[in-house]
Full PDB file with SEQRES, HELIX, SHEET, SSBOND, CRYST1, ORIGX, SCALE, CONECT and MASTER records, all heavy atoms in Angstrom:
SEQRES   1 A   39  LEU GLY ILE GLN GLN ASN SER TYR SER GLN ILE GLU ASN          
SEQRES   2 A   39  GLY ILE ASN ASN ILE GLN THR ASP HIS LEU ILE LYS LEU          
SEQRES   3 A   39  ALA LEU PHE TYR ASN THR SER THR ASP TYR LEU LEU GLU          
HELIX    1 AA1 GLN A    5  GLU A   12  1                                   8    
HELIX    2 AA2 THR A   20  TYR A   30  1                                  11    
HELIX    3 AA3 THR A   34  LEU A   37  1                                   4    
CRYST1    1.000    1.000    1.000  90.00  90.00  90.00 P 1           1          
ORIGX1      1.000000  0.000000  0.000000        0.00000                         
ORIGX2      0.000000  1.000000  0.000000        0.00000                         
ORIGX3      0.000000  0.000000  1.000000        0.00000                         
SCALE1      1.000000  0.000000  0.000000        0.00000                         
SCALE2      0.000000  1.000000  0.000000        0.00000                         
SCALE3      0.000000  0.000000  1.000000        0.00000                         
ATOM      1  N   LEU A   1      -6.244 -12.965  15.580  1.00  0.00           N  
ATOM      2  CA  LEU A   1      -4.833 -12.577  15.628  1.00  0.00           C  
ATOM      3  C   LEU A   1      -4.249 -12.621  17.038  1.00  0.00           C  
ATOM      4  O   LEU A   1      -3.037 -12.497  17.206  1.00  0.00           O  
ATOM      5  CB  LEU A   1      -4.659 -11.168  15.050  1.00  0.00           C  
ATOM      6  CG  LEU A   1      -5.057 -10.995  13.587  1.00  0.00           C  
ATOM      7  CD1 LEU A   1      -4.908  -9.534  13.172  1.00  0.00           C  
ATOM      8  CD2 LEU A   1      -4.256 -11.911  12.678  1.00  0.00           C  
ATOM      9  N   GLY A   2      -5.111 -12.765  18.038  1.00  0.00           N  
ATOM     10  CA  GLY A   2      -4.636 -12.808  19.416  1.00  0.00           C  
ATOM     11  C   GLY A   2      -4.261 -11.439  19.959  1.00  0.00           C  
ATOM     12  O   GLY A   2      -3.337 -11.333  20.769  1.00  0.00           O  
ATOM     13  N   ILE A   3      -4.960 -10.403  19.489  1.00  0.00           N  
ATOM     14  CA  ILE A   3      -4.706  -9.041  19.954  1.00  0.00           C  
ATOM     15  C   ILE A   3      -6.016  -8.400  20.397  1.00  0.00           C  
ATOM     16  O   ILE A   3      -7.092  -8.951  20.155  1.00  0.00           O  
ATOM     17  CB  ILE A   3      -4.015  -8.172  18.866  1.00  0.00           C  
ATOM     18  CG1 ILE A   3      -4.900  -8.042  17.612  1.00  0.00           C  
ATOM     19  CG2 ILE A   3      -2.643  -8.728  18.520  1.00  0.00           C  
ATOM     20  CD1 ILE A   3      -4.335  -7.113  16.540  1.00  0.00           C  
ATOM     21  N   GLN A   4      -5.922  -7.269  21.049  1.00  0.00           N  
ATOM     22  CA  GLN A   4      -7.099  -6.531  21.489  1.00  0.00           C  
ATOM     23  C   GLN A   4      -7.770  -5.842  20.301  1.00  0.00           C  
ATOM     24  O   GLN A   4      -7.106  -5.478  19.326  1.00  0.00           O  
ATOM     25  CB  GLN A   4      -6.710  -5.484  22.537  1.00  0.00           C  
ATOM     26  CG  GLN A   4      -6.145  -6.067  23.816  1.00  0.00           C  
ATOM     27  CD  GLN A   4      -7.176  -6.891  24.571  1.00  0.00           C  
ATOM     28  OE1 GLN A   4      -8.338  -6.498  24.703  1.00  0.00           O  
ATOM     29  NE2 GLN A   4      -6.748  -8.046  25.053  1.00  0.00           N  
ATOM     30  N   GLN A   5      -9.080  -5.634  20.398  1.00  0.00           N  
ATOM     31  CA  GLN A   5      -9.829  -4.982  19.319  1.00  0.00           C  
ATOM     32  C   GLN A   5      -9.297  -3.587  19.037  1.00  0.00           C  
ATOM     33  O   GLN A   5      -9.173  -3.184  17.884  1.00  0.00           O  
ATOM     34  CB  GLN A   5     -11.317  -4.939  19.678  1.00  0.00           C  
ATOM     35  CG  GLN A   5     -12.204  -4.315  18.608  1.00  0.00           C  
ATOM     36  CD  GLN A   5     -12.319  -2.800  18.727  1.00  0.00           C  
ATOM     37  OE1 GLN A   5     -12.309  -2.259  19.831  1.00  0.00           O  
ATOM     38  NE2 GLN A   5     -12.424  -2.124  17.609  1.00  0.00           N  
ATOM     39  N   ASN A   6      -8.941  -2.830  20.075  1.00  0.00           N  
ATOM     40  CA  ASN A   6      -8.437  -1.475  19.837  1.00  0.00           C  
ATOM     41  C   ASN A   6      -7.091  -1.492  19.113  1.00  0.00           C  
ATOM     42  O   ASN A   6      -6.806  -0.602  18.317  1.00  0.00           O  
ATOM     43  CB  ASN A   6      -8.369  -0.659  21.132  1.00  0.00           C  
ATOM     44  CG  ASN A   6      -7.389  -1.213  22.140  1.00  0.00           C  
ATOM     45  OD1 ASN A   6      -7.112  -2.412  22.167  1.00  0.00           O  
ATOM     46  ND2 ASN A   6      -6.884  -0.349  22.996  1.00  0.00           N  
ATOM     47  N   SER A   7      -6.276  -2.508  19.339  1.00  0.00           N  
ATOM     48  CA  SER A   7      -5.009  -2.644  18.608  1.00  0.00           C  
ATOM     49  C   SER A   7      -5.270  -2.912  17.134  1.00  0.00           C  
ATOM     50  O   SER A   7      -4.613  -2.354  16.257  1.00  0.00           O  
ATOM     51  CB  SER A   7      -4.156  -3.771  19.194  1.00  0.00           C  
ATOM     52  OG  SER A   7      -3.790  -3.469  20.513  1.00  0.00           O  
ATOM     53  N   TYR A   8      -6.254  -3.782  16.872  1.00  0.00           N  
ATOM     54  CA  TYR A   8      -6.598  -4.069  15.478  1.00  0.00           C  
ATOM     55  C   TYR A   8      -7.174  -2.827  14.797  1.00  0.00           C  
ATOM     56  O   TYR A   8      -6.854  -2.531  13.652  1.00  0.00           O  
ATOM     57  CB  TYR A   8      -7.580  -5.241  15.372  1.00  0.00           C  
ATOM     58  CG  TYR A   8      -7.889  -5.562  13.945  1.00  0.00           C  
ATOM     59  CD1 TYR A   8      -6.969  -6.227  13.157  1.00  0.00           C  
ATOM     60  CD2 TYR A   8      -9.082  -5.145  13.359  1.00  0.00           C  
ATOM     61  CE1 TYR A   8      -7.234  -6.480  11.821  1.00  0.00           C  
ATOM     62  CE2 TYR A   8      -9.348  -5.399  12.031  1.00  0.00           C  
ATOM     63  CZ  TYR A   8      -8.418  -6.061  11.271  1.00  0.00           C  
ATOM     64  OH  TYR A   8      -8.673  -6.293   9.942  1.00  0.00           O  
ATOM     65  N   SER A   9      -7.992  -2.074  15.517  1.00  0.00           N  
ATOM     66  CA  SER A   9      -8.558  -0.839  14.983  1.00  0.00           C  
ATOM     67  C   SER A   9      -7.447   0.134  14.589  1.00  0.00           C  
ATOM     68  O   SER A   9      -7.519   0.788  13.540  1.00  0.00           O  
ATOM     69  CB  SER A   9      -9.482  -0.199  16.019  1.00  0.00           C  
ATOM     70  OG  SER A   9      -9.964   1.042  15.551  1.00  0.00           O  
ATOM     71  N   GLN A  10      -6.420   0.233  15.411  1.00  0.00           N  
ATOM     72  CA  GLN A  10      -5.296   1.119  15.107  1.00  0.00           C  
ATOM     73  C   GLN A  10      -4.551   0.665  13.850  1.00  0.00           C  
ATOM     74  O   GLN A  10      -4.054   1.494  13.088  1.00  0.00           O  
ATOM     75  CB  GLN A  10      -4.357   1.208  16.303  1.00  0.00           C  
ATOM     76  CG  GLN A  10      -4.973   1.945  17.471  1.00  0.00           C  
ATOM     77  CD  GLN A  10      -4.115   1.914  18.715  1.00  0.00           C  
ATOM     78  OE1 GLN A  10      -3.151   1.167  18.805  1.00  0.00           O  
ATOM     79  NE2 GLN A  10      -4.485   2.737  19.694  1.00  0.00           N  
ATOM     80  N   ILE A  11      -4.484  -0.629  13.611  1.00  0.00           N  
ATOM     81  CA  ILE A  11      -3.864  -1.139  12.386  1.00  0.00           C  
ATOM     82  C   ILE A  11      -4.712  -0.745  11.184  1.00  0.00           C  
ATOM     83  O   ILE A  11      -4.200  -0.228  10.187  1.00  0.00           O  
ATOM     84  CB  ILE A  11      -3.669  -2.673  12.458  1.00  0.00           C  
ATOM     85  CG1 ILE A  11      -2.647  -3.037  13.536  1.00  0.00           C  
ATOM     86  CG2 ILE A  11      -3.253  -3.228  11.101  1.00  0.00           C  
ATOM     87  CD1 ILE A  11      -2.604  -4.516  13.876  1.00  0.00           C  
ATOM     88  N   GLU A  12      -6.015  -0.989  11.266  1.00  0.00           N  
ATOM     89  CA  GLU A  12      -6.911  -0.628  10.156  1.00  0.00           C  
ATOM     90  C   GLU A  12      -6.868   0.865   9.846  1.00  0.00           C  
ATOM     91  O   GLU A  12      -6.976   1.256   8.689  1.00  0.00           O  
ATOM     92  CB  GLU A  12      -8.354  -1.017  10.485  1.00  0.00           C  
ATOM     93  CG  GLU A  12      -8.701  -2.426  10.159  1.00  0.00           C  
ATOM     94  CD  GLU A  12     -10.200  -2.692  10.159  1.00  0.00           C  
ATOM     95  OE1 GLU A  12     -11.013  -1.794  10.437  1.00  0.00           O  
ATOM     96  OE2 GLU A  12     -10.550  -3.845   9.865  1.00  0.00           O  
ATOM     97  N   ASN A  13      -6.717   1.679  10.864  1.00  0.00           N  
ATOM     98  CA  ASN A  13      -6.708   3.126  10.679  1.00  0.00           C  
ATOM     99  C   ASN A  13      -5.335   3.691  10.364  1.00  0.00           C  
ATOM    100  O   ASN A  13      -5.174   4.911  10.249  1.00  0.00           O  
ATOM    101  CB  ASN A  13      -7.300   3.812  11.912  1.00  0.00           C  
ATOM    102  CG  ASN A  13      -8.786   3.566  12.028  1.00  0.00           C  
ATOM    103  OD1 ASN A  13      -9.530   3.723  11.065  1.00  0.00           O  
ATOM    104  ND2 ASN A  13      -9.239   3.152  13.203  1.00  0.00           N  
ATOM    105  N   GLY A  14      -4.331   2.830  10.224  1.00  0.00           N  
ATOM    106  CA  GLY A  14      -3.000   3.278   9.846  1.00  0.00           C  
ATOM    107  C   GLY A  14      -2.205   3.916  10.968  1.00  0.00           C  
ATOM    108  O   GLY A  14      -1.161   4.515  10.729  1.00  0.00           O  
ATOM    109  N   ILE A  15      -2.681   3.785  12.194  1.00  0.00           N  
ATOM    110  CA  ILE A  15      -1.963   4.342  13.338  1.00  0.00           C  
ATOM    111  C   ILE A  15      -0.770   3.458  13.688  1.00  0.00           C  
ATOM    112  O   ILE A  15       0.320   3.957  13.983  1.00  0.00           O  
ATOM    113  CB  ILE A  15      -2.912   4.506  14.547  1.00  0.00           C  
ATOM    114  CG1 ILE A  15      -4.016   5.508  14.185  1.00  0.00           C  
ATOM    115  CG2 ILE A  15      -2.153   4.928  15.797  1.00  0.00           C  
ATOM    116  CD1 ILE A  15      -5.173   5.544  15.167  1.00  0.00           C  
ATOM    117  N   ASN A  16      -0.971   2.149  13.658  1.00  0.00           N  
ATOM    118  CA  ASN A  16       0.095   1.176  13.910  1.00  0.00           C  
ATOM    119  C   ASN A  16       0.296   0.309  12.677  1.00  0.00           C  
ATOM    120  O   ASN A  16      -0.658   0.051  11.927  1.00  0.00           O  
ATOM    121  CB  ASN A  16      -0.244   0.284  15.105  1.00  0.00           C  
ATOM    122  CG  ASN A  16      -0.164   1.018  16.424  1.00  0.00           C  
ATOM    123  OD1 ASN A  16       0.545   2.014  16.556  1.00  0.00           O  
ATOM    124  ND2 ASN A  16      -0.906   0.540  17.402  1.00  0.00           N  
ATOM    125  N   ASN A  17       1.509  -0.164  12.484  1.00  0.00           N  
ATOM    126  CA  ASN A  17       1.809  -1.082  11.387  1.00  0.00           C  
ATOM    127  C   ASN A  17       1.410  -2.498  11.788  1.00  0.00           C  
ATOM    128  O   ASN A  17       1.470  -2.863  12.958  1.00  0.00           O  
ATOM    129  CB  ASN A  17       3.299  -1.054  11.049  1.00  0.00           C  
ATOM    130  CG  ASN A  17       3.715   0.247  10.432  1.00  0.00           C  
ATOM    131  OD1 ASN A  17       2.980   0.835   9.638  1.00  0.00           O  
ATOM    132  ND2 ASN A  17       4.891   0.733  10.794  1.00  0.00           N  
ATOM    133  N   ILE A  18       1.048  -3.271  10.795  1.00  0.00           N  
ATOM    134  CA  ILE A  18       0.686  -4.665  11.046  1.00  0.00           C  
ATOM    135  C   ILE A  18       1.954  -5.508  11.116  1.00  0.00           C  
ATOM    136  O   ILE A  18       2.908  -5.295  10.356  1.00  0.00           O  
ATOM    137  CB  ILE A  18      -0.282  -5.204   9.964  1.00  0.00           C  
ATOM    138  CG1 ILE A  18      -0.844  -6.559  10.358  1.00  0.00           C  
ATOM    139  CG2 ILE A  18       0.381  -5.229   8.592  1.00  0.00           C  
ATOM    140  CD1 ILE A  18      -2.028  -7.010   9.527  1.00  0.00           C  
ATOM    141  N   GLN A  19       1.991  -6.427  12.058  1.00  0.00           N  
ATOM    142  CA  GLN A  19       3.124  -7.337  12.174  1.00  0.00           C  
ATOM    143  C   GLN A  19       3.071  -8.346  11.027  1.00  0.00           C  
ATOM    144  O   GLN A  19       1.989  -8.744  10.581  1.00  0.00           O  
ATOM    145  CB  GLN A  19       3.087  -8.080  13.507  1.00  0.00           C  
ATOM    146  CG  GLN A  19       3.303  -7.190  14.701  1.00  0.00           C  
ATOM    147  CD  GLN A  19       3.254  -7.981  16.004  1.00  0.00           C  
ATOM    148  OE1 GLN A  19       3.237  -9.212  16.028  1.00  0.00           O  
ATOM    149  NE2 GLN A  19       3.231  -7.249  17.103  1.00  0.00           N  
ATOM    150  N   THR A  20       4.226  -8.768  10.589  1.00  0.00           N  
ATOM    151  CA  THR A  20       4.312  -9.701   9.465  1.00  0.00           C  
ATOM    152  C   THR A  20       3.532 -10.981   9.731  1.00  0.00           C  
ATOM    153  O   THR A  20       2.797 -11.450   8.858  1.00  0.00           O  
ATOM    154  CB  THR A  20       5.783 -10.032   9.155  1.00  0.00           C  
ATOM    155  OG1 THR A  20       6.485  -8.815   8.903  1.00  0.00           O  
ATOM    156  CG2 THR A  20       5.903 -10.940   7.951  1.00  0.00           C  
ATOM    157  N   ASP A  21       3.647 -11.536  10.923  1.00  0.00           N  
ATOM    158  CA  ASP A  21       2.933 -12.783  11.209  1.00  0.00           C  
ATOM    159  C   ASP A  21       1.427 -12.587  11.187  1.00  0.00           C  
ATOM    160  O   ASP A  21       0.680 -13.472  10.770  1.00  0.00           O  
ATOM    161  CB  ASP A  21       3.395 -13.410  12.530  1.00  0.00           C  
ATOM    162  CG  ASP A  21       3.221 -12.513  13.737  1.00  0.00           C  
ATOM    163  OD1 ASP A  21       3.348 -11.280  13.607  1.00  0.00           O  
ATOM    164  OD2 ASP A  21       2.972 -13.057  14.835  1.00  0.00           O  
ATOM    165  N   HIS A  22       0.948 -11.411  11.575  1.00  0.00           N  
ATOM    166  CA  HIS A  22      -0.482 -11.126  11.501  1.00  0.00           C  
ATOM    167  C   HIS A  22      -0.934 -10.980  10.047  1.00  0.00           C  
ATOM    168  O   HIS A  22      -2.010 -11.455   9.677  1.00  0.00           O  
ATOM    169  CB  HIS A  22      -0.832  -9.855  12.278  1.00  0.00           C  
ATOM    170  CG  HIS A  22      -0.668  -9.996  13.760  1.00  0.00           C  
ATOM    171  ND1 HIS A  22      -0.582  -8.908  14.594  1.00  0.00           N  
ATOM    172  CD2 HIS A  22      -0.575 -11.090  14.555  1.00  0.00           C  
ATOM    173  CE1 HIS A  22      -0.453  -9.334  15.847  1.00  0.00           C  
ATOM    174  NE2 HIS A  22      -0.438 -10.652  15.836  1.00  0.00           N  
ATOM    175  N   LEU A  23      -0.116 -10.337   9.238  1.00  0.00           N  
ATOM    176  CA  LEU A  23      -0.429 -10.178   7.817  1.00  0.00           C  
ATOM    177  C   LEU A  23      -0.533 -11.539   7.139  1.00  0.00           C  
ATOM    178  O   LEU A  23      -1.476 -11.797   6.379  1.00  0.00           O  
ATOM    179  CB  LEU A  23       0.635  -9.314   7.140  1.00  0.00           C  
ATOM    180  CG  LEU A  23       0.424  -9.014   5.677  1.00  0.00           C  
ATOM    181  CD1 LEU A  23      -0.838  -8.186   5.454  1.00  0.00           C  
ATOM    182  CD2 LEU A  23       1.635  -8.278   5.120  1.00  0.00           C  
ATOM    183  N   ILE A  24       0.396 -12.417   7.430  1.00  0.00           N  
ATOM    184  CA  ILE A  24       0.376 -13.770   6.853  1.00  0.00           C  
ATOM    185  C   ILE A  24      -0.864 -14.523   7.325  1.00  0.00           C  
ATOM    186  O   ILE A  24      -1.542 -15.183   6.535  1.00  0.00           O  
ATOM    187  CB  ILE A  24       1.673 -14.526   7.199  1.00  0.00           C  
ATOM    188  CG1 ILE A  24       2.861 -13.869   6.481  1.00  0.00           C  
ATOM    189  CG2 ILE A  24       1.554 -16.005   6.848  1.00  0.00           C  
ATOM    190  CD1 ILE A  24       4.216 -14.345   6.960  1.00  0.00           C  
ATOM    191  N   LYS A  25      -1.181 -14.416   8.603  1.00  0.00           N  
ATOM    192  CA  LYS A  25      -2.360 -15.102   9.149  1.00  0.00           C  
ATOM    193  C   LYS A  25      -3.635 -14.618   8.456  1.00  0.00           C  
ATOM    194  O   LYS A  25      -4.513 -15.417   8.133  1.00  0.00           O  
ATOM    195  CB  LYS A  25      -2.448 -14.882  10.658  1.00  0.00           C  
ATOM    196  CG  LYS A  25      -3.482 -15.743  11.343  1.00  0.00           C  
ATOM    197  CD  LYS A  25      -3.448 -15.557  12.840  1.00  0.00           C  
ATOM    198  CE  LYS A  25      -2.707 -16.723  13.441  1.00  0.00           C  
ATOM    199  NZ  LYS A  25      -2.786 -16.741  14.912  1.00  0.00           N  
ATOM    200  N   LEU A  26      -3.729 -13.304   8.215  1.00  0.00           N  
ATOM    201  CA  LEU A  26      -4.902 -12.764   7.524  1.00  0.00           C  
ATOM    202  C   LEU A  26      -4.966 -13.256   6.081  1.00  0.00           C  
ATOM    203  O   LEU A  26      -6.047 -13.591   5.590  1.00  0.00           O  
ATOM    204  CB  LEU A  26      -4.898 -11.236   7.566  1.00  0.00           C  
ATOM    205  CG  LEU A  26      -5.182 -10.606   8.918  1.00  0.00           C  
ATOM    206  CD1 LEU A  26      -5.058  -9.091   8.827  1.00  0.00           C  
ATOM    207  CD2 LEU A  26      -6.561 -11.000   9.423  1.00  0.00           C  
ATOM    208  N   ALA A  27      -3.839 -13.295   5.402  1.00  0.00           N  
ATOM    209  CA  ALA A  27      -3.821 -13.780   4.016  1.00  0.00           C  
ATOM    210  C   ALA A  27      -4.285 -15.230   3.951  1.00  0.00           C  
ATOM    211  O   ALA A  27      -5.071 -15.597   3.069  1.00  0.00           O  
ATOM    212  CB  ALA A  27      -2.425 -13.631   3.420  1.00  0.00           C  
ATOM    213  N   LEU A  28      -3.830 -16.051   4.874  1.00  0.00           N  
ATOM    214  CA  LEU A  28      -4.267 -17.451   4.911  1.00  0.00           C  
ATOM    215  C   LEU A  28      -5.748 -17.549   5.256  1.00  0.00           C  
ATOM    216  O   LEU A  28      -6.482 -18.323   4.646  1.00  0.00           O  
ATOM    217  CB  LEU A  28      -3.427 -18.239   5.928  1.00  0.00           C  
ATOM    218  CG  LEU A  28      -1.958 -18.446   5.559  1.00  0.00           C  
ATOM    219  CD1 LEU A  28      -1.193 -19.023   6.743  1.00  0.00           C  
ATOM    220  CD2 LEU A  28      -1.825 -19.324   4.335  1.00  0.00           C  
ATOM    221  N   PHE A  29      -6.197 -16.760   6.218  1.00  0.00           N  
ATOM    222  CA  PHE A  29      -7.597 -16.777   6.643  1.00  0.00           C  
ATOM    223  C   PHE A  29      -8.525 -16.381   5.496  1.00  0.00           C  
ATOM    224  O   PHE A  29      -9.556 -17.016   5.277  1.00  0.00           O  
ATOM    225  CB  PHE A  29      -7.777 -15.826   7.834  1.00  0.00           C  
ATOM    226  CG  PHE A  29      -9.191 -15.721   8.317  1.00  0.00           C  
ATOM    227  CD1 PHE A  29      -9.754 -16.741   9.074  1.00  0.00           C  
ATOM    228  CD2 PHE A  29      -9.958 -14.600   8.035  1.00  0.00           C  
ATOM    229  CE1 PHE A  29     -11.070 -16.642   9.523  1.00  0.00           C  
ATOM    230  CE2 PHE A  29     -11.271 -14.492   8.475  1.00  0.00           C  
ATOM    231  CZ  PHE A  29     -11.820 -15.523   9.228  1.00  0.00           C  
ATOM    232  N   TYR A  30      -8.158 -15.323   4.763  1.00  0.00           N  
ATOM    233  CA  TYR A  30      -8.999 -14.840   3.667  1.00  0.00           C  
ATOM    234  C   TYR A  30      -8.698 -15.538   2.339  1.00  0.00           C  
ATOM    235  O   TYR A  30      -9.313 -15.230   1.326  1.00  0.00           O  
ATOM    236  CB  TYR A  30      -8.816 -13.333   3.491  1.00  0.00           C  
ATOM    237  CG  TYR A  30      -9.387 -12.505   4.617  1.00  0.00           C  
ATOM    238  CD1 TYR A  30      -8.573 -11.629   5.315  1.00  0.00           C  
ATOM    239  CD2 TYR A  30     -10.727 -12.573   4.963  1.00  0.00           C  
ATOM    240  CE1 TYR A  30      -9.080 -10.838   6.344  1.00  0.00           C  
ATOM    241  CE2 TYR A  30     -11.245 -11.790   5.983  1.00  0.00           C  
ATOM    242  CZ  TYR A  30     -10.417 -10.927   6.666  1.00  0.00           C  
ATOM    243  OH  TYR A  30     -10.929 -10.145   7.678  1.00  0.00           O  
ATOM    244  N   ASN A  31      -7.750 -16.481   2.346  1.00  0.00           N  
ATOM    245  CA  ASN A  31      -7.351 -17.218   1.145  1.00  0.00           C  
ATOM    246  C   ASN A  31      -6.960 -16.265   0.018  1.00  0.00           C  
ATOM    247  O   ASN A  31      -7.465 -16.336  -1.107  1.00  0.00           O  
ATOM    248  CB  ASN A  31      -8.458 -18.178   0.687  1.00  0.00           C  
ATOM    249  CG  ASN A  31      -7.945 -19.176  -0.320  1.00  0.00           C  
ATOM    250  OD1 ASN A  31      -6.799 -19.611  -0.251  1.00  0.00           O  
ATOM    251  ND2 ASN A  31      -8.774 -19.535  -1.285  1.00  0.00           N  
ATOM    252  N   THR A  32      -6.059 -15.361   0.345  1.00  0.00           N  
ATOM    253  CA  THR A  32      -5.532 -14.406  -0.622  1.00  0.00           C  
ATOM    254  C   THR A  32      -4.042 -14.245  -0.366  1.00  0.00           C  
ATOM    255  O   THR A  32      -3.469 -14.981   0.433  1.00  0.00           O  
ATOM    256  CB  THR A  32      -6.304 -13.065  -0.552  1.00  0.00           C  
ATOM    257  OG1 THR A  32      -5.982 -12.281  -1.686  1.00  0.00           O  
ATOM    258  CG2 THR A  32      -6.030 -12.305   0.729  1.00  0.00           C  
ATOM    259  N   SER A  33      -3.415 -13.308  -1.038  1.00  0.00           N  
ATOM    260  CA  SER A  33      -1.982 -13.085  -0.848  1.00  0.00           C  
ATOM    261  C   SER A  33      -1.732 -11.858   0.019  1.00  0.00           C  
ATOM    262  O   SER A  33      -2.582 -10.965   0.125  1.00  0.00           O  
ATOM    263  CB  SER A  33      -1.285 -12.904  -2.198  1.00  0.00           C  
ATOM    264  OG  SER A  33      -1.677 -11.677  -2.788  1.00  0.00           O  
ATOM    265  N   THR A  34      -0.572 -11.818   0.613  1.00  0.00           N  
ATOM    266  CA  THR A  34      -0.187 -10.618   1.358  1.00  0.00           C  
ATOM    267  C   THR A  34      -0.077  -9.430   0.409  1.00  0.00           C  
ATOM    268  O   THR A  34      -0.404  -8.306   0.793  1.00  0.00           O  
ATOM    269  CB  THR A  34       1.138 -10.822   2.113  1.00  0.00           C  
ATOM    270  OG1 THR A  34       2.148 -11.225   1.191  1.00  0.00           O  
ATOM    271  CG2 THR A  34       0.993 -11.869   3.209  1.00  0.00           C  
ATOM    272  N   ASP A  35       0.346  -9.664  -0.810  1.00  0.00           N  
ATOM    273  CA  ASP A  35       0.429  -8.581  -1.800  1.00  0.00           C  
ATOM    274  C   ASP A  35      -0.943  -7.959  -2.053  1.00  0.00           C  
ATOM    275  O   ASP A  35      -1.055  -6.746  -2.197  1.00  0.00           O  
ATOM    276  CB  ASP A  35       1.016  -9.074  -3.123  1.00  0.00           C  
ATOM    277  CG  ASP A  35       2.519  -9.220  -3.091  1.00  0.00           C  
ATOM    278  OD1 ASP A  35       3.138  -8.886  -2.053  1.00  0.00           O  
ATOM    279  OD2 ASP A  35       3.085  -9.655  -4.105  1.00  0.00           O  
ATOM    280  N   TYR A  36      -1.980  -8.778  -2.091  1.00  0.00           N  
ATOM    281  CA  TYR A  36      -3.325  -8.251  -2.287  1.00  0.00           C  
ATOM    282  C   TYR A  36      -3.732  -7.391  -1.083  1.00  0.00           C  
ATOM    283  O   TYR A  36      -4.255  -6.298  -1.244  1.00  0.00           O  
ATOM    284  CB  TYR A  36      -4.334  -9.377  -2.505  1.00  0.00           C  
ATOM    285  CG  TYR A  36      -5.743  -8.856  -2.668  1.00  0.00           C  
ATOM    286  CD1 TYR A  36      -6.144  -8.234  -3.850  1.00  0.00           C  
ATOM    287  CD2 TYR A  36      -6.668  -8.945  -1.637  1.00  0.00           C  
ATOM    288  CE1 TYR A  36      -7.429  -7.727  -3.997  1.00  0.00           C  
ATOM    289  CE2 TYR A  36      -7.956  -8.442  -1.773  1.00  0.00           C  
ATOM    290  CZ  TYR A  36      -8.324  -7.836  -2.952  1.00  0.00           C  
ATOM    291  OH  TYR A  36      -9.595  -7.323  -3.088  1.00  0.00           O  
ATOM    292  N   LEU A  37      -3.479  -7.897   0.122  1.00  0.00           N  
ATOM    293  CA  LEU A  37      -3.833  -7.141   1.321  1.00  0.00           C  
ATOM    294  C   LEU A  37      -3.074  -5.816   1.398  1.00  0.00           C  
ATOM    295  O   LEU A  37      -3.600  -4.826   1.886  1.00  0.00           O  
ATOM    296  CB  LEU A  37      -3.572  -7.975   2.578  1.00  0.00           C  
ATOM    297  CG  LEU A  37      -4.438  -9.222   2.746  1.00  0.00           C  
ATOM    298  CD1 LEU A  37      -4.015  -9.986   3.987  1.00  0.00           C  
ATOM    299  CD2 LEU A  37      -5.912  -8.866   2.804  1.00  0.00           C  
ATOM    300  N   LEU A  38      -1.841  -5.808   0.885  1.00  0.00           N  
ATOM    301  CA  LEU A  38      -1.010  -4.597   0.917  1.00  0.00           C  
ATOM    302  C   LEU A  38      -1.237  -3.699  -0.298  1.00  0.00           C  
ATOM    303  O   LEU A  38      -0.556  -2.687  -0.454  1.00  0.00           O  
ATOM    304  CB  LEU A  38       0.465  -4.986   1.003  1.00  0.00           C  
ATOM    305  CG  LEU A  38       0.890  -5.677   2.292  1.00  0.00           C  
ATOM    306  CD1 LEU A  38       2.308  -6.216   2.161  1.00  0.00           C  
ATOM    307  CD2 LEU A  38       0.764  -4.738   3.478  1.00  0.00           C  
ATOM    308  N   GLU A  39      -2.188  -4.079  -1.158  1.00  0.00           N  
ATOM    309  CA  GLU A  39      -2.536  -3.331  -2.369  1.00  0.00           C  
ATOM    310  C   GLU A  39      -1.389  -3.246  -3.382  1.00  0.00           C  
ATOM    311  O   GLU A  39      -1.267  -2.281  -4.127  1.00  0.00           O  
ATOM    312  CB  GLU A  39      -3.045  -1.927  -2.016  1.00  0.00           C  
ATOM    313  CG  GLU A  39      -4.317  -1.961  -1.202  1.00  0.00           C  
ATOM    314  CD  GLU A  39      -4.890  -0.585  -0.929  1.00  0.00           C  
ATOM    315  OE1 GLU A  39      -5.011   0.199  -1.891  1.00  0.00           O  
ATOM    316  OE2 GLU A  39      -5.212  -0.310   0.238  1.00  0.00           O  
TER     317      GLU A  39                                                      
MASTER        0    0    0    3    0    0    0    6  316    1    0    3          
END                                                                             
């Protein structure tokens, strides 16, 4: 994602919100939908 590990950790822990472009990149990387990632 081009970010620091601690920034990503904060996203996983719900401290920071994920940016839309990062969410899309993860969906493409994992070959799934953003809706799936967002539950």
